């Protein structure tokens, strides 16, 4: 899964508006042209001196990191031998990096100090004192039986996924929501997301399709005598209203969790009552898996097997600024 997909799309839309257009840049970021010398009218809305651009991990970078013991030419041979489209992979990598450099260039032209970081190597300290970034949350693990705590050197921008590495295998997890009771669950994994990530994987897991809503409306009308307009247009309207509520603000101090393909039968789960999708301030997870992983933003993975625990939450000290692009402005 690619990292920062939605962010890249949003920046791409904004970049088209900023392309060699100083007047428009001034409208989007009032005072940008006079930032170093101060604004004349003192009405600068966006006071931002430092920007952190988190580079998207491309497939080529992932393969390079996974085969760091061989040369570039040997890596090409390995990838071509296994059937990978090496030329396309390398071209996409160069295109992505060129795009990131272009974003950094535009921001520097506006007078901002720009730092660029990548998941490789790990970003342990680079998040400090940065002004431009979306809200992120900490991931902490504790390993049985000593219960030694280790804070991982990563912040998750969009989501954290926990589950078995083999997708056909059931993930056995115990969940605690907001200091509530622990619940044993069986599923195909757990996805915990920030408001920034609520438009992506969280949305895809939970969104309702028009045909599903239409079938429910017909059941209500035919079997429960509920007066409804059972048209495709009305079903689409209901589905869209429901799906819009799945997304929440990127600066929210809450998380959203989703239990994928929740298994329920007879006396399982224990105890009953856990909502398969909800908002929470904190989520604790204890693994009973055999070959599971904790994956941050679809990029960085850590073993998460039987006895390992994780605590996921949003911390005030990690609250950073979010840039909003105004879609009403002309290109």
Protein backbone atom coordinates (compact mmCIF):
# COMPACT_ATOMS: atom_id res chain seq x y z
CA UNK A 1 0.00 0.00 0.00
CA UNK A 2 1.47 3.38 -0.94
CA UNK A 3 2.19 6.00 1.70
CA UNK A 4 0.59 9.46 1.70
CA UNK A 5 -1.48 8.81 -1.43
CA UNK A 6 -4.25 11.21 -0.47
CA UNK A 7 -1.76 13.83 0.65
CA UNK A 8 0.05 13.62 -2.69
CA UNK A 9 -3.21 14.08 -4.60
CA UNK A 10 -4.17 17.09 -2.46
CA UNK A 11 -0.77 18.71 -2.95
CA UNK A 12 -0.93 18.00 -6.68
CA UNK A 13 -4.22 19.90 -6.93
CA UNK A 14 -2.78 22.79 -4.99
CA UNK A 15 0.45 22.78 -6.96
CA UNK A 16 -1.41 23.38 -10.21
CA UNK A 17 -2.83 26.55 -8.70
CA UNK A 18 0.56 27.74 -7.54
CA UNK A 19 2.39 27.06 -10.77
CA UNK A 20 4.28 30.25 -11.63
CA UNK A 21 1.47 32.39 -10.27
CA UNK A 22 2.70 34.78 -7.61
CA UNK A 23 -0.65 36.56 -7.37
CA UNK A 24 -2.44 33.33 -6.59
CA UNK A 25 0.30 32.30 -4.16
CA UNK A 26 -0.34 35.52 -2.28
CA UNK A 27 -4.08 34.73 -2.15
CA UNK A 28 -3.50 31.20 -0.83
CA UNK A 29 -0.77 32.21 1.63
CA UNK A 30 -1.27 35.90 2.49
CA UNK A 31 1.98 37.56 3.40
CA UNK A 32 4.16 34.83 1.90
CA UNK A 33 6.07 37.27 -0.28
CA UNK A 34 6.84 39.51 2.71
CA UNK A 35 7.28 36.83 5.35
CA UNK A 36 10.97 37.42 5.90
CA UNK A 37 10.45 41.17 6.28
CA UNK A 38 7.06 41.06 7.99
CA UNK A 39 3.59 41.71 6.62
CA UNK A 40 2.64 45.33 6.00
CA UNK A 41 -0.98 44.97 7.09
CA UNK A 42 -0.32 42.46 9.87
CA UNK A 43 -3.19 40.22 8.70
CA UNK A 44 -1.12 37.17 7.81
CA UNK A 45 -3.36 34.14 8.39
CA UNK A 46 -0.77 31.41 7.95
CA UNK A 47 2.32 31.92 10.08
CA UNK A 48 4.56 29.09 8.96
CA UNK A 49 8.33 29.23 8.86
CA UNK A 50 9.30 25.55 8.69
CA UNK A 51 7.80 22.82 6.53
CA UNK A 52 8.36 19.08 6.71
CA UNK A 53 7.73 17.06 3.55
CA UNK A 54 7.42 13.34 4.28
CA UNK A 55 8.57 11.57 1.14
CA UNK A 56 6.36 8.85 -0.26
CA UNK A 57 8.00 5.43 -0.13
CA UNK A 58 8.01 4.21 -3.70
CA UNK A 59 8.05 0.56 -4.71
CA UNK A 60 11.61 0.97 -5.93
CA UNK A 61 12.73 2.34 -2.55
CA UNK A 62 11.00 -0.56 -0.80
CA UNK A 63 12.78 -3.09 -3.00
CA UNK A 64 16.08 -1.24 -2.58
CA UNK A 65 15.68 -1.32 1.21
CA UNK A 66 14.69 -5.01 1.17
CA UNK A 67 17.76 -5.89 -0.90
CA UNK A 68 20.29 -3.52 0.64
CA UNK A 69 23.01 -6.17 0.46
CA UNK A 70 23.27 -6.09 -3.35
CA UNK A 71 24.19 -3.42 -5.90
CA UNK A 72 21.73 -1.48 -8.07
CA UNK A 73 22.57 -3.54 -11.14
CA UNK A 74 22.10 -6.77 -9.21
CA UNK A 75 18.77 -5.48 -7.88
CA UNK A 76 17.62 -4.81 -11.44
CA UNK A 77 18.57 -8.35 -12.42
CA UNK A 78 16.68 -9.83 -9.46
CA UNK A 79 13.53 -7.79 -10.14
CA UNK A 80 13.49 -8.52 -13.86
CA UNK A 81 14.09 -12.23 -13.22
CA UNK A 82 11.06 -12.47 -10.95
CA UNK A 83 8.86 -10.73 -13.53
CA UNK A 84 8.65 -7.18 -12.16
CA UNK A 85 8.29 -4.25 -14.55
CA UNK A 86 11.57 -2.64 -13.56
CA UNK A 87 11.42 0.18 -16.13
CA UNK A 88 7.98 1.31 -14.94
CA UNK A 89 9.01 0.96 -11.30
CA UNK A 90 12.08 3.16 -11.79
CA UNK A 91 10.16 5.71 -13.89
CA UNK A 92 7.46 6.05 -11.22
CA UNK A 93 10.13 6.47 -8.58
CA UNK A 94 11.83 9.29 -10.48
CA UNK A 95 8.50 10.97 -11.22
CA UNK A 96 7.49 10.90 -7.55
CA UNK A 97 10.82 12.32 -6.39
CA UNK A 98 10.70 15.05 -9.02
CA UNK A 99 7.22 15.99 -7.82
CA UNK A 100 8.39 16.20 -4.20
CA UNK A 101 11.33 18.39 -5.18
CA UNK A 102 8.95 20.66 -7.09
CA UNK A 103 6.74 21.06 -4.01
CA UNK A 104 9.80 21.87 -1.90
CA UNK A 105 10.99 24.37 -4.50
CA UNK A 106 7.64 26.21 -4.52
CA UNK A 107 7.58 26.41 -0.74
CA UNK A 108 11.16 27.74 -0.65
CA UNK A 109 10.21 30.36 -3.21
CA UNK A 110 7.56 31.53 -0.74
CA UNK A 111 10.27 32.05 1.84
CA UNK A 112 9.78 28.93 3.96
CA UNK A 113 12.45 26.68 5.41
CA UNK A 114 11.85 23.18 4.03
CA UNK A 115 13.03 19.85 5.40
CA UNK A 116 12.54 16.57 3.55
CA UNK A 117 12.38 13.20 5.29
CA UNK A 118 11.85 9.59 4.29
CA UNK A 119 10.74 6.43 6.04
CA UNK A 120 14.17 5.09 5.10
CA UNK A 121 16.11 5.72 7.27
CA UNK A 122 13.74 5.90 10.30
CA UNK A 123 12.55 9.35 11.28
CA UNK A 124 13.14 9.38 15.03
CA UNK A 125 13.78 13.03 15.74
CA UNK A 126 13.05 14.98 12.58
CA UNK A 127 9.43 15.70 13.58
CA UNK A 128 10.55 18.07 16.31
CA UNK A 129 9.86 21.78 15.82
CA UNK A 130 8.10 21.39 12.47
CA UNK A 131 5.08 23.59 11.77
CA UNK A 132 3.51 22.09 8.64
CA UNK A 133 2.21 18.54 8.99
CA UNK A 134 -0.98 16.71 9.81
CA UNK A 135 -1.79 15.33 13.24
CA UNK A 136 -0.14 12.02 14.01
CA UNK A 137 -0.25 9.50 16.83
CA UNK A 138 2.22 7.44 18.80
CA UNK A 139 2.50 3.67 18.74
CA UNK A 140 3.84 1.94 21.84
CA UNK A 141 4.52 -1.76 22.23
CA UNK A 142 4.97 -3.94 25.28
CA UNK A 143 6.24 -7.50 25.11
CA UNK A 144 5.29 -10.31 27.51
CA UNK A 145 6.27 -11.69 29.92
CA UNK A 146 8.58 -8.90 31.10
CA UNK A 147 6.18 -6.19 29.82
CA UNK A 148 9.09 -3.95 28.89
CA UNK A 149 7.83 -0.87 27.08
CA UNK A 150 9.34 0.44 23.88
CA UNK A 151 8.22 3.58 22.06
CA UNK A 152 8.69 2.98 18.35
CA UNK A 153 10.64 5.69 16.48
CA UNK A 154 7.75 6.39 14.13
CA UNK A 155 4.59 8.48 14.04
CA UNK A 156 1.65 7.24 11.98
CA UNK A 157 0.19 9.83 9.64
CA UNK A 158 -2.82 7.91 8.30
CA UNK A 159 -3.40 4.53 9.88
CA UNK A 160 -1.98 1.55 11.74
CA UNK A 161 -3.00 -1.94 10.64
CA UNK A 162 -2.59 -5.01 12.85
CA UNK A 163 -3.20 -8.53 11.60
CA UNK A 164 -1.78 -11.81 10.37
CA UNK A 165 0.68 -11.58 7.51
CA UNK A 166 -1.17 -14.33 5.63
CA UNK A 167 -4.51 -12.75 4.77
CA UNK A 168 -6.41 -16.05 4.77
CA UNK A 169 -5.46 -16.70 8.41
CA UNK A 170 -7.73 -15.45 11.22
CA UNK A 171 -6.25 -12.69 13.38
CA UNK A 172 -6.76 -13.35 17.09
CA UNK A 173 -6.67 -10.03 18.94
CA UNK A 174 -7.83 -8.72 22.30
CA UNK A 175 -9.04 -5.13 22.21
CA UNK A 176 -9.56 -2.50 24.88
CA UNK A 177 -11.34 0.69 23.86
CA UNK A 178 -10.93 3.78 26.06
CA UNK A 179 -9.94 1.81 29.18
CA UNK A 180 -13.00 -0.42 28.86
CA UNK A 181 -13.07 -4.19 29.22
CA UNK A 182 -10.85 -6.42 27.11
CA UNK A 183 -12.65 -8.23 24.30
CA UNK A 184 -11.41 -11.35 22.49
CA UNK A 185 -11.95 -10.98 18.75
CA UNK A 186 -11.48 -12.98 15.58
CA UNK A 187 -11.21 -11.06 12.35
CA UNK A 188 -9.02 -10.36 9.35
CA UNK A 189 -7.29 -7.53 11.17
CA UNK A 190 -7.69 -4.18 12.89
CA UNK A 191 -7.32 -0.76 11.26
CA UNK A 192 -6.87 2.31 13.49
CA UNK A 193 -6.85 5.66 11.73
CA UNK A 194 -6.42 9.38 12.34
CA UNK A 195 -8.73 11.97 10.82
CA UNK A 196 -6.18 12.37 8.03
CA UNK A 197 -6.50 8.70 7.12
CA UNK A 198 -10.28 8.53 7.51
CA UNK A 199 -10.75 9.34 3.81
CA UNK A 200 -8.78 6.31 2.66
CA UNK A 201 -8.63 2.77 4.06
CA UNK A 202 -11.05 3.44 6.93
CA UNK A 203 -13.57 4.79 4.42
CA UNK A 204 -13.12 1.84 2.06
CA UNK A 205 -13.62 -0.71 4.84
CA UNK A 206 -16.84 0.81 6.13
CA UNK A 207 -18.57 2.55 3.23
CA UNK A 208 -21.98 1.34 2.09
CA UNK A 209 -22.65 0.57 -1.57
CA UNK A 210 -25.77 1.79 -3.29
CA UNK A 211 -27.01 -1.71 -4.13
CA UNK A 212 -26.71 -2.79 -0.47
CA UNK A 213 -28.74 0.20 0.71
CA UNK A 214 -31.33 -0.47 -1.99
CA UNK A 215 -31.75 -4.08 -0.84
CA UNK A 216 -32.23 -2.95 2.77
CA UNK A 217 -34.80 -0.37 1.73
CA UNK A 218 -36.74 -3.02 -0.20
CA UNK A 219 -36.70 -5.35 2.82
CA UNK A 220 -38.03 -2.57 5.04
CA UNK A 221 -40.78 -1.81 2.56
CA UNK A 222 -41.82 -5.37 1.71
CA UNK A 223 -41.44 -7.14 5.04
CA UNK A 224 -41.84 -4.39 7.65
CA UNK A 225 -44.41 -2.16 5.91
CA UNK A 226 -42.12 0.89 6.06
CA UNK A 227 -43.11 3.49 3.47
CA UNK A 228 -39.97 4.20 1.46
CA UNK A 229 -39.08 5.34 -2.03
CA UNK A 230 -37.09 2.33 -3.21
CA UNK A 231 -35.34 3.92 -6.17
CA UNK A 232 -31.67 3.75 -7.09
CA UNK A 233 -31.40 7.54 -6.82
CA UNK A 234 -32.74 7.59 -3.26
CA UNK A 235 -30.54 4.64 -2.26
CA UNK A 236 -27.51 6.46 -3.64
CA UNK A 237 -28.43 9.57 -1.65
CA UNK A 238 -28.75 7.57 1.59
CA UNK A 239 -25.43 5.79 0.94
CA UNK A 240 -23.62 9.07 0.29
CA UNK A 241 -24.95 10.65 3.49
CA UNK A 242 -23.87 7.65 5.53
CA UNK A 243 -20.44 7.48 3.92
CA UNK A 244 -19.77 11.17 4.48
CA UNK A 245 -20.12 10.61 8.23
CA UNK A 246 -17.27 8.09 8.16
CA UNK A 247 -14.75 10.87 7.55
CA UNK A 248 -13.69 13.28 10.28
CA UNK A 249 -11.43 16.28 10.66
CA UNK A 250 -7.65 15.78 10.30
CA UNK A 251 -7.08 17.87 13.45
CA UNK A 252 -9.37 15.67 15.56
CA UNK A 253 -7.90 14.40 18.82
CA UNK A 254 -9.70 11.08 18.39
CA UNK A 255 -8.94 7.89 16.49
CA UNK A 256 -11.31 5.68 14.53
CA UNK A 257 -10.98 1.91 14.61
CA UNK A 258 -12.41 -0.74 12.31
CA UNK A 259 -12.42 -4.48 12.92
CA UNK A 260 -12.25 -6.04 9.46
CA UNK A 261 -14.55 -8.97 8.70
CA UNK A 262 -15.55 -9.41 12.34
CA UNK A 263 -16.32 -13.06 13.11
CA UNK A 264 -19.35 -13.67 15.33
CA UNK A 265 -20.92 -17.02 16.17
CA UNK A 266 -22.45 -18.71 19.22
CA UNK A 267 -20.47 -17.43 22.22
CA UNK A 268 -17.88 -15.49 20.26
CA UNK A 269 -16.70 -12.76 20.78
CA UNK A 270 -16.22 -12.76 24.54
CA UNK A 271 -17.69 -10.63 25.99
CA UNK A 272 -20.21 -9.40 23.45
CA UNK A 273 -21.01 -5.78 22.81
CA UNK A 274 -17.91 -4.48 21.00
CA UNK A 275 -18.77 -2.17 18.13
CA UNK A 276 -16.88 -3.15 14.98
CA UNK A 277 -16.45 0.52 14.07
CA UNK A 278 -16.29 3.51 16.37
CA UNK A 279 -14.30 6.54 17.53
CA UNK A 280 -12.00 6.37 20.53
CA UNK A 281 -9.40 8.40 22.39
CA UNK A 282 -7.18 5.34 22.89
CA UNK A 283 -7.04 1.76 21.61
CA UNK A 284 -5.02 -1.03 23.24
CA UNK A 285 -4.37 -4.27 21.39
CA UNK A 286 -2.95 -7.57 22.63
CA UNK A 287 -1.90 -10.14 20.07
CA UNK A 288 -2.59 -13.88 20.06
CA UNK A 289 -1.38 -14.24 16.47
CA UNK A 290 1.35 -16.51 15.16
CA UNK A 291 2.84 -14.47 12.31
CA UNK A 292 1.33 -11.00 12.52
CA UNK A 293 2.59 -7.52 11.84
CA UNK A 294 1.90 -3.97 12.99
CA UNK A 295 2.07 -1.86 9.85
CA UNK A 296 2.41 1.92 9.93
CA UNK A 297 0.99 3.77 6.92
CA UNK A 298 1.34 0.66 4.75
CA UNK A 299 5.11 1.04 4.80
CA UNK A 300 6.92 0.18 8.01
CA UNK A 301 6.15 -3.16 9.66
CA UNK A 302 6.98 -4.61 13.06
CA UNK A 303 6.40 -8.19 14.28
CA UNK A 304 3.25 -8.38 16.40
CA UNK A 305 2.92 -11.92 17.62
CA UNK A 306 1.46 -13.68 20.66
CA UNK A 307 1.92 -11.69 23.87
CA UNK A 308 2.81 -8.38 22.25
CA UNK A 309 0.73 -5.34 23.18
CA UNK A 310 0.30 -1.95 21.54
CA UNK A 311 -1.23 1.28 22.79
CA UNK A 312 -2.41 3.73 20.13
CA UNK A 313 -3.42 7.32 20.90
CA UNK A 314 -3.08 10.92 19.77
CA UNK A 315 -0.78 13.07 21.90
CA UNK A 316 -1.11 16.88 22.15
CA UNK A 317 2.64 17.33 21.67
CA UNK A 318 2.33 15.70 18.22
CA UNK A 319 -0.40 18.09 17.09
CA UNK A 320 0.85 19.90 14.01
CA UNK A 321 -0.67 22.20 11.44
CA UNK A 322 -2.75 20.98 8.50
CA UNK A 323 -2.71 22.81 5.17
CA UNK A 324 -6.13 23.13 3.50
CA UNK A 325 -6.37 23.86 -0.22
CA UNK A 326 -9.29 26.07 -1.29
CA UNK A 327 -11.02 24.25 -4.16
CA UNK A 328 -13.09 27.34 -4.99
CA UNK A 329 -10.03 29.21 -6.25
CA UNK A 330 -9.23 29.08 -10.00
CA UNK A 331 -6.37 27.00 -11.31
